Amino acid sequence: MTVGVLTLDLAVYESRSLKDKRRVIKSLKDRLTNRFRVSVAEVDHLDSWQRAVLGVAMVSNDPVHVHGSLDRIVDFVRGQRGLNLIDYEKRTC
C-alpha cells in the first residue's frame, strides 16, 4: 500500500473577502475530488482571504500511480484561473 500526500500552497489574488476565497477553494476541492478521486482539505491560512493551503491524500497499491496522479494534480492546479500555485510538497510512504 502506498499513501501519497500533497500540500499545495495557493494564492487567491482575486479574492476580496473570505466568502470569495471559500467559494474558489470549495470549487477547486470539489473538482480535485471528482476528477482524481482524492481526499482534499484546507489545512492552513483559514482566516486569510488571499492565501490557502490544501492537503491532498490518496491511497493505492501502485506507487507509480500515486506519483503520476500527484504530478497531474499539480499540473491541474497550475492551470486554474484565479489561483496561483506558490509552492507544493509531495510525500509518499
PDB file of N, CA and C in Angstrom:
ATOM      1  N   MET A   1       0.847  -1.178   0.000  1.00  0.00           N
ATOM      2  CA  MET A   1       0.000   0.000   0.000  1.00  0.00           C
ATOM      3  C   MET A   1       0.893   1.241   0.000  1.00  0.00           C
ATOM      4  N   THR A   2       0.558   2.201  -0.846  1.00  0.00           N
ATOM      5  CA  THR A   2       1.274   3.472  -0.921  1.00  0.00           C
ATOM      6  C   THR A   2       0.309   4.600  -0.607  1.00  0.00           C
ATOM      7  N   VAL A   3       0.729   5.480   0.300  1.00  0.00           N
ATOM      8  CA  VAL A   3      -0.052   6.663   0.663  1.00  0.00           C
ATOM      9  C   VAL A   3       0.685   7.867   0.109  1.00  0.00           C
ATOM     10  N   GLY A   4      -0.009   8.687  -0.647  1.00  0.00           N
ATOM     11  CA  GLY A   4       0.565   9.915  -1.186  1.00  0.00           C
ATOM     12  C   GLY A   4      -0.084  11.118  -0.544  1.00  0.00           C
ATOM     13  N   VAL A   5       0.746  12.079  -0.167  1.00  0.00           N
ATOM     14  CA  VAL A   5       0.258  13.321   0.430  1.00  0.00           C
ATOM     15  C   VAL A   5       0.856  14.480  -0.351  1.00  0.00           C
ATOM     16  N   LEU A   6       0.003  15.410  -0.733  1.00  0.00           N
ATOM     17  CA  LEU A   6       0.419  16.589  -1.488  1.00  0.00           C
ATOM     18  C   LEU A   6      -0.062  17.825  -0.736  1.00  0.00           C
ATOM     19  N   THR A   7       0.843  18.746  -0.488  1.00  0.00           N
ATOM     20  CA  THR A   7       0.484  20.014   0.147  1.00  0.00           C
ATOM     21  C   THR A   7       0.622  21.108  -0.892  1.00  0.00           C
ATOM     22  N   LEU A   8      -0.457  21.851  -1.111  1.00  0.00           N
ATOM     23  CA  LEU A   8      -0.491  22.911  -2.116  1.00  0.00           C
ATOM     24  C   LEU A   8      -0.632  24.259  -1.424  1.00  0.00           C
ATOM     25  N   ASP A   9       0.330  25.139  -1.612  1.00  0.00           N
ATOM     26  CA  ASP A   9       0.271  26.495  -1.062  1.00  0.00           C
ATOM     27  C   ASP A   9      -0.223  27.412  -2.178  1.00  0.00           C
ATOM     28  N   LEU A  10      -1.396  28.015  -1.970  1.00  0.00           N
ATOM     29  CA  LEU A  10      -2.067  28.757  -3.031  1.00  0.00           C
ATOM     30  C   LEU A  10      -2.268  30.221  -2.664  1.00  0.00           C
ATOM     31  N   ALA A  11      -2.258  31.070  -3.681  1.00  0.00           N
ATOM     32  CA  ALA A  11      -2.652  32.469  -3.540  1.00  0.00           C
ATOM     33  C   ALA A  11      -3.927  32.659  -4.349  1.00  0.00           C
ATOM     34  N   VAL A  12      -4.888  33.333  -3.736  1.00  0.00           N
ATOM     35  CA  VAL A  12      -6.164  33.629  -4.387  1.00  0.00           C
ATOM     36  C   VAL A  12      -6.238  35.147  -4.501  1.00  0.00           C
ATOM     37  N   TYR A  13      -5.494  35.715  -5.456  1.00  0.00           N
ATOM     38  CA  TYR A  13      -5.336  37.163  -5.538  1.00  0.00           C
ATOM     39  C   TYR A  13      -6.619  37.903  -5.889  1.00  0.00           C
ATOM     40  N   GLU A  14      -7.532  37.280  -6.593  1.00  0.00           N
ATOM     41  CA  GLU A  14      -8.765  37.954  -6.990  1.00  0.00           C
ATOM     42  C   GLU A  14      -9.799  37.992  -5.863  1.00  0.00           C
ATOM     43  N   SER A  15      -9.525  37.337  -4.769  1.00  0.00           N
ATOM     44  CA  SER A  15     -10.458  37.282  -3.649  1.00  0.00           C
ATOM     45  C   SER A  15     -10.480  38.620  -2.925  1.00  0.00           C
ATOM     46  N   ARG A  16     -11.686  39.075  -2.584  1.00  0.00           N
ATOM     47  CA  ARG A  16     -11.867  40.332  -1.852  1.00  0.00           C
ATOM     48  C   ARG A  16     -12.418  40.104  -0.449  1.00  0.00           C
ATOM     49  N   SER A  17     -12.724  38.832  -0.132  1.00  0.00           N
ATOM     50  CA  SER A  17     -13.263  38.507   1.186  1.00  0.00           C
ATOM     51  C   SER A  17     -13.067  37.016   1.436  1.00  0.00           C
ATOM     52  N   LEU A  18     -13.300  36.602   2.674  1.00  0.00           N
ATOM     53  CA  LEU A  18     -13.240  35.169   2.984  1.00  0.00           C
ATOM     54  C   LEU A  18     -14.285  34.396   2.195  1.00  0.00           C
ATOM     55  N   LYS A  19     -15.439  35.019   1.989  1.00  0.00           N
ATOM     56  CA  LYS A  19     -16.502  34.366   1.220  1.00  0.00           C
ATOM     57  C   LYS A  19     -16.038  34.086  -0.217  1.00  0.00           C
ATOM     58  N   ASP A  20     -15.368  35.057  -0.837  1.00  0.00           N
ATOM     59  CA  ASP A  20     -14.824  34.852  -2.188  1.00  0.00           C
ATOM     60  C   ASP A  20     -13.819  33.708  -2.200  1.00  0.00           C
ATOM     61  N   LYS A  21     -12.894  33.738  -1.238  1.00  0.00           N
ATOM     62  CA  LYS A  21     -11.862  32.699  -1.187  1.00  0.00           C
ATOM     63  C   LYS A  21     -12.489  31.324  -0.990  1.00  0.00           C
ATOM     64  N   ARG A  22     -13.418  31.216  -0.071  1.00  0.00           N
ATOM     65  CA  ARG A  22     -14.032  29.915   0.210  1.00  0.00           C
ATOM     66  C   ARG A  22     -14.796  29.376  -0.993  1.00  0.00           C
ATOM     67  N   ARG A  23     -15.392  30.261  -1.779  1.00  0.00           N
ATOM     68  CA  ARG A  23     -16.096  29.834  -2.992  1.00  0.00           C
ATOM     69  C   ARG A  23     -15.101  29.224  -3.978  1.00  0.00           C
ATOM     70  N   VAL A  24     -13.971  29.909  -4.179  1.00  0.00           N
ATOM     71  CA  VAL A  24     -12.940  29.432  -5.110  1.00  0.00           C
ATOM     72  C   VAL A  24     -12.330  28.117  -4.618  1.00  0.00           C
ATOM     73  N   ILE A  25     -11.993  28.060  -3.332  1.00  0.00           N
ATOM     74  CA  ILE A  25     -11.353  26.872  -2.769  1.00  0.00           C
ATOM     75  C   ILE A  25     -12.310  25.683  -2.772  1.00  0.00           C
ATOM     76  N   LYS A  26     -13.579  25.910  -2.426  1.00  0.00           N
ATOM     77  CA  LYS A  26     -14.546  24.805  -2.437  1.00  0.00           C
ATOM     78  C   LYS A  26     -14.699  24.241  -3.841  1.00  0.00           C
ATOM     79  N   SER A  27     -14.752  25.120  -4.828  1.00  0.00           N
ATOM     80  CA  SER A  27     -14.859  24.668  -6.213  1.00  0.00           C
ATOM     81  C   SER A  27     -13.646  23.824  -6.602  1.00  0.00           C
ATOM     82  N   LEU A  28     -12.453  24.280  -6.243  1.00  0.00           N
ATOM     83  CA  LEU A  28     -11.243  23.521  -6.559  1.00  0.00           C
ATOM     84  C   LEU A  28     -11.242  22.175  -5.844  1.00  0.00           C
ATOM     85  N   LYS A  29     -11.591  22.162  -4.571  1.00  0.00           N
ATOM     86  CA  LYS A  29     -11.632  20.912  -3.813  1.00  0.00           C
ATOM     87  C   LYS A  29     -12.596  19.916  -4.459  1.00  0.00           C
ATOM     88  N   ASP A  30     -13.766  20.395  -4.857  1.00  0.00           N
ATOM     89  CA  ASP A  30     -14.752  19.514  -5.492  1.00  0.00           C
ATOM     90  C   ASP A  30     -14.235  18.952  -6.809  1.00  0.00           C
ATOM     91  N   ARG A  31     -13.595  19.800  -7.620  1.00  0.00           N
ATOM     92  CA  ARG A  31     -13.059  19.333  -8.908  1.00  0.00           C
ATOM     93  C   ARG A  31     -11.940  18.314  -8.716  1.00  0.00           C
ATOM     94  N   LEU A  32     -11.062  18.556  -7.742  1.00  0.00           N
ATOM     95  CA  LEU A  32      -9.986  17.595  -7.465  1.00  0.00           C
ATOM     96  C   LEU A  32     -10.544  16.261  -6.996  1.00  0.00           C
ATOM     97  N   THR A  33     -11.512  16.312  -6.096  1.00  0.00           N
ATOM     98  CA  THR A  33     -12.117  15.085  -5.573  1.00  0.00           C
ATOM     99  C   THR A  33     -12.786  14.284  -6.688  1.00  0.00           C
ATOM    100  N   ASN A  34     -13.548  14.961  -7.520  1.00  0.00           N
ATOM    101  CA  ASN A  34     -14.281  14.271  -8.587  1.00  0.00           C
ATOM    102  C   ASN A  34     -13.373  13.769  -9.702  1.00  0.00           C
ATOM    103  N   ARG A  35     -12.383  14.554 -10.069  1.00  0.00           N
ATOM    104  CA  ARG A  35     -11.534  14.191 -11.204  1.00  0.00           C
ATOM    105  C   ARG A  35     -10.455  13.168 -10.848  1.00  0.00           C
ATOM    106  N   PHE A  36      -9.857  13.305  -9.647  1.00  0.00           N
ATOM    107  CA  PHE A  36      -8.714  12.470  -9.293  1.00  0.00           C
ATOM    108  C   PHE A  36      -9.005  11.446  -8.196  1.00  0.00           C
ATOM    109  N   ARG A  37     -10.210  11.465  -7.651  1.00  0.00           N
ATOM    110  CA  ARG A  37     -10.594  10.514  -6.589  1.00  0.00           C
ATOM    111  C   ARG A  37      -9.638  10.595  -5.400  1.00  0.00           C
ATOM    112  N   VAL A  38      -9.446  11.802  -4.880  1.00  0.00           N
ATOM    113  CA  VAL A  38      -8.566  12.042  -3.736  1.00  0.00           C
ATOM    114  C   VAL A  38      -9.369  12.725  -2.627  1.00  0.00           C
ATOM    115  N   SER A  39      -8.803  12.732  -1.444  1.00  0.00           N
ATOM    116  CA  SER A  39      -9.378  13.491  -0.332  1.00  0.00           C
ATOM    117  C   SER A  39      -8.653  14.823  -0.256  1.00  0.00           C
ATOM    118  N   VAL A  40      -9.420  15.915  -0.061  1.00  0.00           N
ATOM    119  CA  VAL A  40      -8.846  17.254  -0.050  1.00  0.00           C
ATOM    120  C   VAL A  40      -9.409  18.031   1.131  1.00  0.00           C
ATOM    121  N   ALA A  41      -8.533  18.765   1.827  1.00  0.00           N
ATOM    122  CA  ALA A  41      -8.967  19.623   2.928  1.00  0.00           C
ATOM    123  C   ALA A  41      -8.112  20.884   2.952  1.00  0.00           C
ATOM    124  N   GLU A  42      -8.725  21.992   3.342  1.00  0.00           N
ATOM    125  CA  GLU A  42      -7.967  23.217   3.583  1.00  0.00           C
ATOM    126  C   GLU A  42      -7.329  23.082   4.956  1.00  0.00           C
ATOM    127  N   VAL A  43      -6.014  23.211   5.034  1.00  0.00           N
ATOM    128  CA  VAL A  43      -5.306  22.890   6.274  1.00  0.00           C
ATOM    129  C   VAL A  43      -4.573  24.072   6.915  1.00  0.00           C
ATOM    130  N   ASP A  44      -4.474  25.208   6.224  1.00  0.00           N
ATOM    131  CA  ASP A  44      -3.777  26.354   6.804  1.00  0.00           C
ATOM    132  C   ASP A  44      -4.278  27.637   6.155  1.00  0.00           C
ATOM    133  N   HIS A  45      -3.990  28.755   6.775  1.00  0.00           N
ATOM    134  CA  HIS A  45      -4.424  30.087   6.334  1.00  0.00           C
ATOM    135  C   HIS A  45      -5.947  30.161   6.225  1.00  0.00           C
ATOM    136  N   LEU A  46      -6.629  29.567   7.165  1.00  0.00           N
ATOM    137  CA  LEU A  46      -8.089  29.505   7.114  1.00  0.00           C
ATOM    138  C   LEU A  46      -8.744  30.879   7.207  1.00  0.00           C
ATOM    139  N   ASP A  47      -8.129  31.813   7.909  1.00  0.00           N
ATOM    140  CA  ASP A  47      -8.729  33.129   8.080  1.00  0.00           C
ATOM    141  C   ASP A  47      -8.119  34.193   7.177  1.00  0.00           C
ATOM    142  N   SER A  48      -7.227  33.796   6.301  1.00  0.00           N
ATOM    143  CA  SER A  48      -6.637  34.726   5.341  1.00  0.00           C
ATOM    144  C   SER A  48      -7.481  34.687   4.065  1.00  0.00           C
ATOM    145  N   TRP A  49      -7.815  35.852   3.522  1.00  0.00           N
ATOM    146  CA  TRP A  49      -8.706  35.846   2.359  1.00  0.00           C
ATOM    147  C   TRP A  49      -7.988  35.797   1.021  1.00  0.00           C
ATOM    148  N   GLN A  50      -6.645  35.767   1.031  1.00  0.00           N
ATOM    149  CA  GLN A  50      -5.938  35.616  -0.241  1.00  0.00           C
ATOM    150  C   GLN A  50      -4.914  34.478  -0.233  1.00  0.00           C
ATOM    151  N   ARG A  51      -4.911  33.670   0.794  1.00  0.00           N
ATOM    152  CA  ARG A  51      -3.990  32.523   0.871  1.00  0.00           C
ATOM    153  C   ARG A  51      -4.758  31.287   1.306  1.00  0.00           C
ATOM    154  N   ALA A  52      -4.286  30.134   0.870  1.00  0.00           N
ATOM    155  CA  ALA A  52      -4.859  28.857   1.291  1.00  0.00           C
ATOM    156  C   ALA A  52      -3.802  27.777   1.147  1.00  0.00           C
ATOM    157  N   VAL A  53      -3.849  26.818   2.038  1.00  0.00           N
ATOM    158  CA  VAL A  53      -3.016  25.626   1.919  1.00  0.00           C
ATOM    159  C   VAL A  53      -3.961  24.437   1.915  1.00  0.00           C
ATOM    160  N   LEU A  54      -3.870  23.632   0.856  1.00  0.00           N
ATOM    161  CA  LEU A  54      -4.694  22.435   0.743  1.00  0.00           C
ATOM    162  C   LEU A  54      -3.835  21.203   0.966  1.00  0.00           C
ATOM    163  N   GLY A  55      -4.396  20.232   1.672  1.00  0.00           N
ATOM    164  CA  GLY A  55      -3.788  18.926   1.823  1.00  0.00           C
ATOM    165  C   GLY A  55      -4.556  17.940   0.968  1.00  0.00           C
ATOM    166  N   VAL A  56      -3.860  17.176   0.160  1.00  0.00           N
ATOM    167  CA  VAL A  56      -4.459  16.192  -0.739  1.00  0.00           C
ATOM    168  C   VAL A  56      -3.883  14.831  -0.372  1.00  0.00           C
ATOM    169  N   ALA A  57      -4.742  13.831  -0.225  1.00  0.00           N
ATOM    170  CA  ALA A  57      -4.284  12.491   0.142  1.00  0.00           C
ATOM    171  C   ALA A  57      -4.898  11.456  -0.781  1.00  0.00           C
ATOM    172  N   MET A  58      -4.091  10.431  -1.094  1.00  0.00           N
ATOM    173  CA  MET A  58      -4.607   9.304  -1.874  1.00  0.00           C
ATOM    174  C   MET A  58      -3.880   8.031  -1.460  1.00  0.00           C
ATOM    175  N   VAL A  59      -4.574   6.918  -1.637  1.00  0.00           N
ATOM    176  CA  VAL A  59      -4.035   5.603  -1.293  1.00  0.00           C
ATOM    177  C   VAL A  59      -4.175   4.705  -2.516  1.00  0.00           C
ATOM    178  N   SER A  60      -3.134   3.929  -2.781  1.00  0.00           N
ATOM    179  CA  SER A  60      -3.166   2.998  -3.903  1.00  0.00           C
ATOM    180  C   SER A  60      -2.208   1.852  -3.615  1.00  0.00           C
ATOM    181  N   ASN A  61      -2.385   0.758  -4.335  1.00  0.00           N
ATOM    182  CA  ASN A  61      -1.429  -0.341  -4.210  1.00  0.00           C
ATOM    183  C   ASN A  61      -0.262  -0.181  -5.183  1.00  0.00           C
ATOM    184  N   ASP A  62      -0.293   0.860  -6.015  1.00  0.00           N
ATOM    185  CA  ASP A  62       0.727   1.075  -7.040  1.00  0.00           C
ATOM    186  C   ASP A  62       1.421   2.424  -6.819  1.00  0.00           C
ATOM    187  N   PRO A  63       2.681   2.414  -6.394  1.00  0.00           N
ATOM    188  CA  PRO A  63       3.379   3.682  -6.153  1.00  0.00           C
ATOM    189  C   PRO A  63       3.538   4.544  -7.411  1.00  0.00           C
ATOM    190  N   VAL A  64       3.643   3.928  -8.574  1.00  0.00           N
ATOM    191  CA  VAL A  64       3.765   4.682  -9.826  1.00  0.00           C
ATOM    192  C   VAL A  64       2.477   5.470 -10.080  1.00  0.00           C
ATOM    193  N   HIS A  65       1.344   4.848  -9.799  1.00  0.00           N
ATOM    194  CA  HIS A  65       0.046   5.522  -9.957  1.00  0.00           C
ATOM    195  C   HIS A  65      -0.052   6.725  -9.020  1.00  0.00           C
ATOM    196  N   VAL A  66       0.386   6.566  -7.777  1.00  0.00           N
ATOM    197  CA  VAL A  66       0.324   7.661  -6.801  1.00  0.00           C
ATOM    198  C   VAL A  66       1.188   8.830  -7.269  1.00  0.00           C
ATOM    199  N   HIS A  67       2.439   8.568  -7.641  1.00  0.00           N
ATOM    200  CA  HIS A  67       3.337   9.643  -8.097  1.00  0.00           C
ATOM    201  C   HIS A  67       2.780  10.348  -9.331  1.00  0.00           C
ATOM    202  N   GLY A  68       2.293   9.569 -10.284  1.00  0.00           N
ATOM    203  CA  GLY A  68       1.735  10.161 -11.505  1.00  0.00           C
ATOM    204  C   GLY A  68       0.500  10.994 -11.230  1.00  0.00           C
ATOM    205  N   SER A  69      -0.370  10.512 -10.365  1.00  0.00           N
ATOM    206  CA  SER A  69      -1.583  11.259 -10.032  1.00  0.00           C
ATOM    207  C   SER A  69      -1.259  12.565  -9.319  1.00  0.00           C
ATOM    208  N   LEU A  70      -0.317  12.526  -8.389  1.00  0.00           N
ATOM    209  CA  LEU A  70       0.057  13.753  -7.677  1.00  0.00           C
ATOM    210  C   LEU A  70       0.683  14.766  -8.638  1.00  0.00           C
ATOM    211  N   ASP A  71       1.468  14.303  -9.592  1.00  0.00           N
ATOM    212  CA  ASP A  71       2.036  15.203 -10.604  1.00  0.00           C
ATOM    213  C   ASP A  71       0.936  15.825 -11.470  1.00  0.00           C
ATOM    214  N   ARG A  72      -0.054  15.018 -11.855  1.00  0.00           N
ATOM    215  CA  ARG A  72      -1.167  15.533 -12.658  1.00  0.00           C
ATOM    216  C   ARG A  72      -1.997  16.544 -11.869  1.00  0.00           C
ATOM    217  N   ILE A  73      -2.142  16.334 -10.568  1.00  0.00           N
ATOM    218  CA  ILE A  73      -2.879  17.285  -9.730  1.00  0.00           C
ATOM    219  C   ILE A  73      -2.147  18.626  -9.693  1.00  0.00           C
ATOM    220  N   VAL A  74      -0.838  18.595  -9.535  1.00  0.00           N
ATOM    221  CA  VAL A  74      -0.051  19.842  -9.536  1.00  0.00           C
ATOM    222  C   VAL A  74      -0.239  20.576 -10.865  1.00  0.00           C
ATOM    223  N   ASP A  75      -0.156  19.867 -11.976  1.00  0.00           N
ATOM    224  CA  ASP A  75      -0.353  20.481 -13.293  1.00  0.00           C
ATOM    225  C   ASP A  75      -1.761  21.049 -13.426  1.00  0.00           C
ATOM    226  N   PHE A  76      -2.759  20.326 -12.936  1.00  0.00           N
ATOM    227  CA  PHE A  76      -4.149  20.774 -12.989  1.00  0.00           C
ATOM    228  C   PHE A  76      -4.320  22.075 -12.211  1.00  0.00           C
ATOM    229  N   VAL A  77      -3.762  22.132 -11.013  1.00  0.00           N
ATOM    230  CA  VAL A  77      -3.904  23.328 -10.172  1.00  0.00           C
ATOM    231  C   VAL A  77      -3.178  24.519 -10.812  1.00  0.00           C
ATOM    232  N   ARG A  78      -2.038  24.286 -11.409  1.00  0.00           N
ATOM    233  CA  ARG A  78      -1.314  25.374 -12.094  1.00  0.00           C
ATOM    234  C   ARG A  78      -2.149  26.000 -13.208  1.00  0.00           C
ATOM    235  N   GLY A  79      -3.015  25.227 -13.827  1.00  0.00           N
ATOM    236  CA  GLY A  79      -3.822  25.721 -14.938  1.00  0.00           C
ATOM    237  C   GLY A  79      -5.127  26.377 -14.535  1.00  0.00           C
ATOM    238  N   GLN A  80      -5.397  26.502 -13.260  1.00  0.00           N
ATOM    239  CA  GLN A  80      -6.663  27.063 -12.809  1.00  0.00           C
ATOM    240  C   GLN A  80      -6.631  28.588 -12.808  1.00  0.00           C
ATOM    241  N   ARG A  81      -7.699  29.182 -13.326  1.00  0.00           N
ATOM    242  CA  ARG A  81      -7.839  30.641 -13.302  1.00  0.00           C
ATOM    243  C   ARG A  81      -8.183  31.088 -11.888  1.00  0.00           C
ATOM    244  N   GLY A  82      -7.669  32.245 -11.503  1.00  0.00           N
ATOM    245  CA  GLY A  82      -7.987  32.814 -10.207  1.00  0.00           C
ATOM    246  C   GLY A  82      -7.117  32.303  -9.071  1.00  0.00           C
ATOM    247  N   LEU A  83      -6.239  31.350  -9.371  1.00  0.00           N
ATOM    248  CA  LEU A  83      -5.340  30.782  -8.365  1.00  0.00           C
ATOM    249  C   LEU A  83      -3.905  30.866  -8.846  1.00  0.00           C
ATOM    250  N   ASN A  84      -2.997  30.996  -7.890  1.00  0.00           N
ATOM    251  CA  ASN A  84      -1.579  30.937  -8.207  1.00  0.00           C
ATOM    252  C   ASN A  84      -0.947  29.917  -7.267  1.00  0.00           C
ATOM    253  N   LEU A  85      -0.318  28.895  -7.823  1.00  0.00           N
ATOM    254  CA  LEU A  85       0.369  27.893  -7.022  1.00  0.00           C
ATOM    255  C   LEU A  85       1.719  28.461  -6.596  1.00  0.00           C
ATOM    256  N   ILE A  86       1.853  28.755  -5.306  1.00  0.00           N
ATOM    257  CA  ILE A  86       3.080  29.332  -4.774  1.00  0.00           C
ATOM    258  C   ILE A  86       4.133  28.241  -4.576  1.00  0.00           C
ATOM    259  N   ASP A  87       3.728  27.135  -3.969  1.00  0.00           N
ATOM    260  CA  ASP A  87       4.662  26.056  -3.662  1.00  0.00           C
ATOM    261  C   ASP A  87       3.870  24.773  -3.457  1.00  0.00           C
ATOM    262  N   TYR A  88       4.550  23.655  -3.534  1.00  0.00           N
ATOM    263  CA  TYR A  88       3.905  22.384  -3.235  1.00  0.00           C
ATOM    264  C   TYR A  88       4.959  21.423  -2.695  1.00  0.00           C
ATOM    265  N   GLU A  89       4.470  20.409  -1.989  1.00  0.00           N
ATOM    266  CA  GLU A  89       5.350  19.367  -1.446  1.00  0.00           C
ATOM    267  C   GLU A  89       4.647  18.024  -1.594  1.00  0.00           C
ATOM    268  N   LYS A  90       5.383  17.047  -2.150  1.00  0.00           N
ATOM    269  CA  LYS A  90       4.860  15.690  -2.315  1.00  0.00           C
ATOM    270  C   LYS A  90       5.597  14.759  -1.366  1.00  0.00           C
ATOM    271  N   ARG A  91       4.807  13.876  -0.746  1.00  0.00           N
ATOM    272  CA  ARG A  91       5.402  12.833   0.108  1.00  0.00           C
ATOM    273  C   ARG A  91       4.657  11.524  -0.152  1.00  0.00           C
ATOM    274  N   THR A  92       5.394  10.444  -0.131  1.00  0.00           N
ATOM    275  CA  THR A  92       4.766   9.120  -0.223  1.00  0.00           C
ATOM    276  C   THR A  92       5.389   8.223   0.829  1.00  0.00           C
ATOM    277  N   CYS A  93       4.593   7.286   1.293  1.00  0.00           N
ATOM    278  CA  CYS A  93       5.107   6.290   2.227  1.00  0.00           C
ATOM    279  C   CYS A  93       4.338   4.990   2.037  1.00  0.00           C
TER     280      CYS A  93
END
